[in-house]
Amino acid sequence: MSEKIRVIEYQELENQKNRIKKGDKIAVENYKILINKADKLLKTNPFSVVNKTGIPPSKSKHDYMSIGPYWWPNPKTSNGLPYIRKDGDINPETRNNFTDYVEKNNFISAIKILSSTYYQSNEKKYADKAIQLINAWFLDEATRMNPNVNFGQYVPGKSEGRCFGILEIRGFVEVFKFLELAKDRNVLEKKTEEGMLNWLTEYENWLQNSKLGKEERNRENNHGTHYDIQLLNILVYLNRIEEVKKYLSTITKARIFHQIEPDGSQPRELARTKSFSYSVMNLNGFLDLVRLGQKVGVNLWDLESKDGRSIKKGYQYMLPYLAKEKKWERKQIVDKKHSEEKLISDLNYIGKMFKDPSFDKALEVIHQRKNTKH
């Protein structure tokens, strides 16, 4: 019997563990910080969608709800409705406890910390806490989230829910990773395992067949890319590998060719007010899909259209801007530093994973430039 394909990537966790064992100063320091965070989480109350102060249009607090981040009260009307859009400018009202956005982020962050701490320390108390949090968010009758995102990124005065809210749920992949780890180590209770399989099957069905789910899949920018990542990780967790292969070979393949031009540019991301950030975000999403493809035997990295469109070309397009050989002329209303670091991290990963030397020279130049600055 062939080994089960997993969402979790043990190699990265194992590398970290080895660095700690060898007494690597930075790794040991990071581990102390991690333990400290995890110990604090042991005392926290569970996170839940019912904790928000707002009420979704369905009148059920069990439905996930968020407001589109770039939408603001209308200065021309007395009640501020309908909201107006300012691309790239986040309305702080969308980031408080009126919606589920912050609570959901805190939940995902907690699972990530507890999962990593449990792997490194092997202390069951961290796994137990993660399981308690997962039960509260997804399964316990009083606090569970319904398996839909019908009211994600709604716009006051304009819409009750939009397909863009689906992107906000992408962090749930951390939950799947933990569930696999807990099952591999025999600490996952049957009730939680079966409950999560049912929840994810229902959610995946909503994702593929609801009006909003279909809309998001058909988005021709980073939203479509991250829809694929989310759906396919769920299908991998549910062990529906043939569906994953077929999807990557058809829908994802078409998406790559549609979103990336022969010169490597991504027009739909370049049109944004954070054009550099969105270009990097979308490439990073494609890289996630490459990794998924590797697991199931679908090679997306070497995939190229007749007129030269490919993920590799997308990364090559960004290189002269990263190396400061060319000036980024498109709109970018926030600092590029975080996105540049993400891009460098992706390129290092590509070099290691695919034994692809085509970015080595550029990375060397970037590295030298960084060193001369210090």
Protein backbone atom coordinates (compact mmCIF):
# COMPACT_ATOMS: atom_id res chain seq x y z
CA MET A 1 0.00 0.00 0.00
CA SER A 2 1.42 3.40 -0.96
CA GLU A 3 1.98 5.96 1.78
CA LYS A 4 -0.86 8.42 2.39
CA ILE A 5 -0.32 11.86 0.88
CA ARG A 6 -0.45 14.55 3.55
CA VAL A 7 -1.01 18.28 3.80
CA ILE A 8 1.61 18.58 6.56
CA GLU A 9 5.26 18.80 5.51
CA TYR A 10 7.26 17.02 8.20
CA GLN A 11 10.62 17.85 6.64
CA GLU A 12 10.44 21.52 7.60
CA LEU A 13 9.45 20.69 11.19
CA GLU A 14 12.19 18.06 11.38
CA ASN A 15 14.83 20.51 10.15
CA GLN A 16 13.80 22.95 12.86
CA LYS A 17 13.93 20.19 15.50
CA ASN A 18 17.44 19.19 14.42
CA ARG A 19 18.64 22.77 14.65
CA ILE A 20 17.33 22.96 18.22
CA LYS A 21 19.00 19.61 19.09
CA LYS A 22 22.32 20.84 17.72
CA GLY A 23 22.07 23.94 19.89
CA ASP A 24 21.73 26.42 17.02
CA LYS A 25 21.52 29.73 18.89
CA ILE A 26 18.70 31.28 16.82
CA ALA A 27 16.68 28.03 16.74
CA VAL A 28 16.98 27.60 20.53
CA GLU A 29 15.97 31.22 21.11
CA ASN A 30 12.97 30.84 18.78
CA TYR A 31 11.98 27.63 20.57
CA LYS A 32 11.96 29.42 23.94
CA ILE A 33 9.71 32.12 22.47
CA LEU A 34 7.45 29.43 20.99
CA ILE A 35 7.11 27.57 24.32
CA ASN A 36 6.33 30.84 26.06
CA LYS A 37 3.55 31.63 23.57
CA ALA A 38 2.15 28.08 23.76
CA ASP A 39 2.10 28.13 27.57
CA LYS A 40 0.08 31.35 27.49
CA LEU A 41 -2.36 29.75 25.04
CA LEU A 42 -2.98 26.85 27.47
CA LYS A 43 -4.83 29.37 29.65
CA THR A 44 -6.93 31.03 26.93
CA ASN A 45 -10.65 30.56 26.39
CA PRO A 46 -11.68 28.88 23.13
CA PHE A 47 -12.18 31.05 20.04
CA SER A 48 -15.58 31.03 18.33
CA VAL A 49 -17.68 32.71 15.66
CA VAL A 50 -20.41 33.26 18.27
CA ASN A 51 -18.14 35.71 20.14
CA LYS A 52 -18.63 38.52 17.59
CA THR A 53 -20.85 41.46 18.48
CA GLY A 54 -22.33 41.73 14.98
CA ILE A 55 -25.13 39.51 13.68
CA PRO A 56 -25.04 38.09 10.12
CA PRO A 57 -28.06 38.58 7.80
CA SER A 58 -28.99 34.93 8.52
CA LYS A 59 -29.53 35.99 12.18
CA SER A 60 -27.26 33.10 13.20
CA LYS A 61 -23.98 33.94 14.91
CA HIS A 62 -22.78 30.48 13.83
CA ASP A 63 -22.28 31.89 10.32
CA TYR A 64 -18.87 33.41 9.62
CA MET A 65 -19.07 37.13 8.88
CA SER A 66 -16.62 39.82 7.77
CA ILE A 67 -16.68 43.22 6.06
CA GLY A 68 -14.70 43.93 2.87
CA PRO A 69 -11.48 45.53 4.19
CA TYR A 70 -11.25 48.28 1.55
CA TRP A 71 -14.80 49.58 2.01
CA TRP A 72 -15.51 52.74 4.00
CA PRO A 73 -18.57 54.72 5.18
CA ASN A 74 -19.89 57.01 2.48
CA PRO A 75 -19.17 60.68 3.41
CA LYS A 76 -22.01 61.86 1.13
CA THR A 77 -24.84 60.13 3.04
CA SER A 78 -26.12 60.67 6.60
CA ASN A 79 -26.00 56.95 7.49
CA GLY A 80 -22.74 56.27 5.62
CA LEU A 81 -24.48 53.82 3.25
CA PRO A 82 -23.72 52.41 0.78
CA TYR A 83 -20.04 52.01 1.66
CA ILE A 84 -17.46 53.17 -0.91
CA ARG A 85 -14.25 51.44 -1.99
CA LYS A 86 -10.68 52.65 -1.42
CA ASP A 87 -8.45 49.90 -2.84
CA GLY A 88 -5.58 48.95 -0.55
CA ASP A 89 -6.76 51.19 2.31
CA ILE A 90 -7.99 49.06 5.25
CA ASN A 91 -10.98 50.32 7.23
CA PRO A 92 -10.20 49.63 10.94
CA GLU A 93 -13.89 48.82 11.50
CA THR A 94 -13.29 45.60 9.52
CA ARG A 95 -10.63 44.50 12.01
CA ASN A 96 -12.43 44.44 15.37
CA ASN A 97 -14.78 42.09 17.23
CA PHE A 98 -17.89 43.21 15.30
CA THR A 99 -16.92 40.54 12.72
CA ASP A 100 -15.09 37.18 12.93
CA TYR A 101 -11.94 38.32 11.14
CA VAL A 102 -9.71 38.97 14.16
CA GLU A 103 -11.07 36.01 16.16
CA LYS A 104 -10.44 33.70 13.20
CA ASN A 105 -6.86 34.97 12.83
CA ASN A 106 -6.23 34.46 16.55
CA PHE A 107 -7.62 30.91 16.34
CA ILE A 108 -5.41 29.99 13.36
CA SER A 109 -2.35 31.54 15.00
CA ALA A 110 -3.04 29.53 18.19
CA ILE A 111 -3.32 26.25 16.25
CA LYS A 112 -0.08 26.98 14.41
CA ILE A 113 1.80 27.72 17.66
CA LEU A 114 0.38 24.74 19.57
CA SER A 115 0.98 22.37 16.65
CA SER A 116 4.60 23.42 16.26
CA THR A 117 5.22 23.30 20.03
CA TYR A 118 3.66 19.85 20.26
CA TYR A 119 5.86 18.58 17.42
CA GLN A 120 9.05 19.99 18.92
CA SER A 121 8.38 19.12 22.58
CA ASN A 122 6.16 16.02 22.24
CA GLU A 123 4.22 17.24 25.28
CA LYS A 124 0.60 16.12 24.96
CA LYS A 125 -0.83 19.16 26.80
CA TYR A 126 -0.23 21.28 23.68
CA ALA A 127 -2.06 18.79 21.44
CA ASP A 128 -4.94 18.56 23.93
CA LYS A 129 -5.35 22.33 23.91
CA ALA A 130 -5.30 22.46 20.09
CA ILE A 131 -7.99 19.73 19.96
CA GLN A 132 -10.11 21.67 22.47
CA LEU A 133 -9.84 24.81 20.30
CA ILE A 134 -10.68 22.89 17.11
CA ASN A 135 -13.73 21.29 18.72
CA ALA A 136 -14.94 24.70 19.88
CA TRP A 137 -14.49 26.39 16.50
CA PHE A 138 -15.89 23.63 14.28
CA LEU A 139 -17.84 21.03 16.24
CA ASP A 140 -19.30 21.97 19.64
CA GLU A 141 -23.01 22.71 19.22
CA ALA A 142 -22.95 25.98 21.18
CA THR A 143 -19.90 27.52 19.47
CA ARG A 144 -19.40 25.85 16.06
CA MET A 145 -19.00 27.65 12.74
CA ASN A 146 -21.44 26.61 10.03
CA PRO A 147 -19.58 25.17 6.98
CA ASN A 148 -20.06 28.16 4.67
CA VAL A 149 -18.74 31.67 4.02
CA ASN A 150 -22.05 33.14 2.86
CA PHE A 151 -21.43 36.43 4.67
CA GLY A 152 -17.71 36.95 4.12
CA GLN A 153 -16.50 40.41 3.04
CA TYR A 154 -19.99 41.89 2.91
CA VAL A 155 -20.37 45.59 2.06
CA PRO A 156 -22.81 47.58 4.22
CA GLY A 157 -25.58 48.99 2.04
CA LYS A 158 -24.37 47.02 -0.98
CA SER A 159 -24.23 43.23 -0.44
CA GLU A 160 -24.79 40.61 2.26
CA GLY A 161 -21.73 38.58 1.35
CA ARG A 162 -19.22 38.33 -1.49
CA CYS A 163 -17.04 35.55 -2.88
CA PHE A 164 -13.89 37.39 -1.71
CA GLY A 165 -14.55 36.31 1.88
CA ILE A 166 -13.46 32.76 0.96
CA LEU A 167 -9.84 33.93 0.79
CA GLU A 168 -9.99 34.73 4.52
CA ILE A 169 -10.46 31.06 5.39
CA ARG A 170 -7.21 29.93 3.73
CA GLY A 171 -5.44 29.69 7.12
CA PHE A 172 -7.58 26.66 8.02
CA VAL A 173 -4.83 24.62 6.34
CA GLU A 174 -3.01 24.88 9.71
CA VAL A 175 -5.89 22.92 11.25
CA PHE A 176 -5.53 20.10 8.69
CA LYS A 177 -1.79 19.91 9.37
CA PHE A 178 -2.36 19.62 13.09
CA LEU A 179 -5.08 16.97 12.66
CA GLU A 180 -2.67 14.86 10.58
CA LEU A 181 0.07 15.24 13.17
CA ALA A 182 -2.31 14.33 16.02
CA LYS A 183 -3.58 11.27 14.13
CA ASP A 184 -0.03 10.13 13.28
CA ARG A 185 0.85 10.33 16.97
CA ASN A 186 -2.38 8.63 18.11
CA VAL A 187 -3.70 11.55 20.15
CA LEU A 188 -6.66 12.48 17.92
CA GLU A 189 -10.00 11.32 19.34
CA LYS A 190 -12.27 9.47 16.92
CA LYS A 191 -15.12 11.89 17.62
CA THR A 192 -13.04 14.92 16.59
CA GLU A 193 -11.60 13.14 13.56
CA GLU A 194 -15.03 12.05 12.25
CA GLY A 195 -16.60 15.42 13.09
CA MET A 196 -13.91 17.25 11.12
CA LEU A 197 -14.21 14.89 8.15
CA ASN A 198 -17.95 15.64 8.06
CA TRP A 199 -17.44 19.40 8.48
CA LEU A 200 -14.83 19.57 5.73
CA THR A 201 -16.90 17.43 3.37
CA GLU A 202 -19.84 19.83 3.85
CA TYR A 203 -17.62 22.89 3.44
CA GLU A 204 -15.90 21.48 0.34
CA ASN A 205 -19.35 20.83 -1.13
CA TRP A 206 -20.32 24.46 -0.41
CA LEU A 207 -17.02 25.63 -1.90
CA GLN A 208 -17.58 23.74 -5.16
CA ASN A 209 -21.34 24.13 -5.60
CA SER A 210 -22.53 27.38 -3.99
CA LYS A 211 -22.97 30.57 -6.00
CA LEU A 212 -20.18 32.35 -4.08
CA GLY A 213 -17.87 29.34 -4.28
CA LYS A 214 -18.24 29.16 -8.06
CA GLU A 215 -17.72 32.92 -8.35
CA GLU A 216 -14.47 32.73 -6.39
CA ARG A 217 -13.19 29.80 -8.46
CA ASN A 218 -13.80 31.88 -11.59
CA ARG A 219 -11.89 34.95 -10.33
CA GLU A 220 -9.02 35.63 -12.70
CA ASN A 221 -6.56 36.91 -10.08
CA ASN A 222 -5.04 35.88 -6.72
CA HIS A 223 -8.52 35.02 -5.42
CA GLY A 224 -8.86 32.19 -7.95
CA THR A 225 -5.34 30.98 -7.16
CA HIS A 226 -6.02 30.85 -3.41
CA TYR A 227 -9.39 29.20 -4.01
CA ASP A 228 -7.48 26.34 -5.68
CA ILE A 229 -5.06 26.06 -2.76
CA GLN A 230 -7.86 25.95 -0.22
CA LEU A 231 -10.01 23.44 -2.08
CA LEU A 232 -7.12 21.14 -3.00
CA ASN A 233 -5.69 21.03 0.51
CA ILE A 234 -9.12 19.96 1.77
CA LEU A 235 -9.31 17.26 -0.92
CA VAL A 236 -5.81 16.04 0.00
CA TYR A 237 -6.87 15.88 3.67
CA LEU A 238 -10.00 13.95 2.63
CA ASN A 239 -7.73 11.61 0.61
CA ARG A 240 -9.47 12.39 -2.71
CA ILE A 241 -6.19 12.38 -4.62
CA GLU A 242 -7.51 11.59 -8.11
CA GLU A 243 -9.71 14.70 -7.94
CA VAL A 244 -6.67 16.76 -6.94
CA LYS A 245 -4.64 15.47 -9.91
CA LYS A 246 -7.45 16.15 -12.38
CA TYR A 247 -8.08 19.66 -11.01
CA LEU A 248 -4.39 20.67 -11.12
CA SER A 249 -4.03 19.32 -14.66
CA THR A 250 -7.04 21.23 -15.96
CA ILE A 251 -8.34 24.21 -13.95
CA THR A 252 -5.05 25.19 -12.28
CA LYS A 253 -3.10 24.75 -15.51
CA ALA A 254 -5.54 27.03 -17.37
CA ARG A 255 -5.34 29.53 -14.50
CA ILE A 256 -1.54 29.80 -14.75
CA PHE A 257 -1.67 30.43 -18.50
CA HIS A 258 -4.53 32.93 -18.12
CA GLN A 259 -3.01 35.00 -15.31
CA ILE A 260 0.64 35.15 -16.40
CA GLU A 261 1.61 36.87 -19.64
CA PRO A 262 4.42 35.54 -21.92
CA ASP A 263 6.78 38.16 -20.41
CA GLY A 264 5.93 36.95 -16.88
CA SER A 265 3.82 39.96 -15.86
CA GLN A 266 0.46 39.52 -14.10
CA PRO A 267 -1.82 42.31 -15.42
CA ARG A 268 -4.62 41.74 -12.89
CA GLU A 269 -2.21 42.13 -9.97
CA LEU A 270 -0.38 45.04 -11.62
CA ALA A 271 -3.67 46.94 -11.81
CA ARG A 272 -3.92 47.07 -7.99
CA THR A 273 -2.78 49.89 -5.69
CA LYS A 274 -0.37 47.41 -4.07
CA SER A 275 0.80 45.98 -7.39
CA PHE A 276 4.17 44.63 -6.20
CA SER A 277 2.66 43.02 -3.10
CA TYR A 278 -0.17 41.39 -5.06
CA SER A 279 2.20 40.12 -7.78
CA VAL A 280 4.30 38.41 -5.07
CA MET A 281 1.24 37.12 -3.22
CA ASN A 282 -0.12 35.48 -6.36
CA LEU A 283 3.23 33.89 -7.27
CA ASN A 284 3.53 32.60 -3.71
CA GLY A 285 0.08 31.05 -4.17
CA PHE A 286 1.17 29.40 -7.41
CA LEU A 287 4.23 28.05 -5.60
CA ASP A 288 1.91 26.44 -3.03
CA LEU A 289 0.10 24.79 -5.94
CA VAL A 290 3.45 23.59 -7.35
CA ARG A 291 4.16 21.95 -3.98
CA LEU A 292 0.72 20.34 -3.97
CA GLY A 293 1.38 19.11 -7.50
CA GLN A 294 4.68 17.57 -6.43
CA LYS A 295 2.88 15.51 -3.78
CA VAL A 296 0.43 14.00 -6.27
CA GLY A 297 2.76 13.71 -9.29
CA VAL A 298 1.63 16.74 -11.33
CA ASN A 299 4.57 18.91 -12.43
CA LEU A 300 3.44 22.54 -12.54
CA TRP A 301 6.93 24.04 -12.22
CA ASP A 302 8.07 22.98 -15.71
CA LEU A 303 4.68 23.68 -17.25
CA GLU A 304 4.88 26.23 -20.07
CA SER A 305 2.39 27.39 -22.69
CA LYS A 306 3.29 27.54 -26.39
CA ASP A 307 3.77 31.30 -26.11
CA GLY A 308 5.96 31.03 -23.01
CA ARG A 309 3.65 31.57 -20.04
CA SER A 310 4.79 29.85 -16.84
CA ILE A 311 5.14 30.29 -13.07
CA LYS A 312 8.92 30.39 -13.56
CA LYS A 313 8.52 33.29 -16.00
CA GLY A 314 6.40 35.06 -13.37
CA TYR A 315 9.29 34.91 -10.91
CA GLN A 316 11.81 35.94 -13.56
CA TYR A 317 9.73 39.05 -14.32
CA MET A 318 10.14 40.20 -10.69
CA LEU A 319 13.94 39.71 -10.51
CA PRO A 320 15.24 43.03 -11.94
CA TYR A 321 12.94 44.92 -9.54
CA LEU A 322 14.09 42.84 -6.60
CA ALA A 323 17.75 43.38 -7.53
CA LYS A 324 17.01 47.13 -7.97
CA GLU A 325 18.18 46.99 -11.60
CA LYS A 326 14.81 48.42 -12.62
CA LYS A 327 12.49 50.81 -10.79
CA TRP A 328 8.97 49.57 -10.00
CA GLU A 329 6.79 52.06 -11.87
CA ARG A 330 3.40 50.64 -10.93
CA LYS A 331 1.28 51.82 -8.01
CA GLN A 332 2.45 50.54 -4.61
CA ILE A 333 0.89 52.48 -1.71
CA VAL A 334 2.63 50.46 1.04
CA ASP A 335 6.27 49.60 1.65
CA LYS A 336 7.59 46.71 -0.50
CA LYS A 337 9.99 45.33 2.14
CA HIS A 338 7.75 42.51 3.45
CA SER A 339 6.90 41.39 -0.09
CA GLU A 340 10.55 41.51 -1.16
CA GLU A 341 11.48 39.23 1.75
CA LYS A 342 8.69 36.83 0.81
CA LEU A 343 9.97 36.81 -2.78
CA ILE A 344 13.55 36.08 -1.68
CA SER A 345 12.28 33.25 0.56
CA ASP A 346 10.35 31.78 -2.41
CA LEU A 347 13.41 31.98 -4.68
CA ASN A 348 15.61 30.25 -2.09
CA TYR A 349 12.98 27.50 -1.77
CA ILE A 350 12.81 27.12 -5.57
CA GLY A 351 16.60 26.76 -5.81
CA LYS A 352 16.64 24.06 -3.12
CA MET A 353 13.51 22.14 -4.04
CA PHE A 354 13.69 22.07 -7.81
CA LYS A 355 17.48 22.17 -8.09
CA ASP A 356 16.81 25.12 -10.39
CA PRO A 357 19.93 27.29 -10.68
CA SER A 358 18.32 29.98 -12.84
CA PHE A 359 17.77 32.33 -9.88
CA ASP A 360 21.15 31.78 -8.18
CA LYS A 361 22.91 34.70 -9.85
CA ALA A 362 20.14 37.17 -9.01
CA LEU A 363 20.01 35.94 -5.41
CA GLU A 364 23.77 36.40 -5.13
CA VAL A 365 23.47 40.03 -6.30
CA ILE A 366 20.61 40.67 -3.86
CA HIS A 367 22.55 39.03 -1.03
CA GLN A 368 25.68 41.09 -1.76
CA ARG A 369 23.63 44.29 -1.87
CA LYS A 370 22.09 43.44 1.51
CA ASN A 371 25.52 42.78 3.03
CA THR A 372 27.02 46.04 1.77
CA LYS A 373 24.11 47.91 3.35
CA HIS A 374 24.83 46.41 6.80
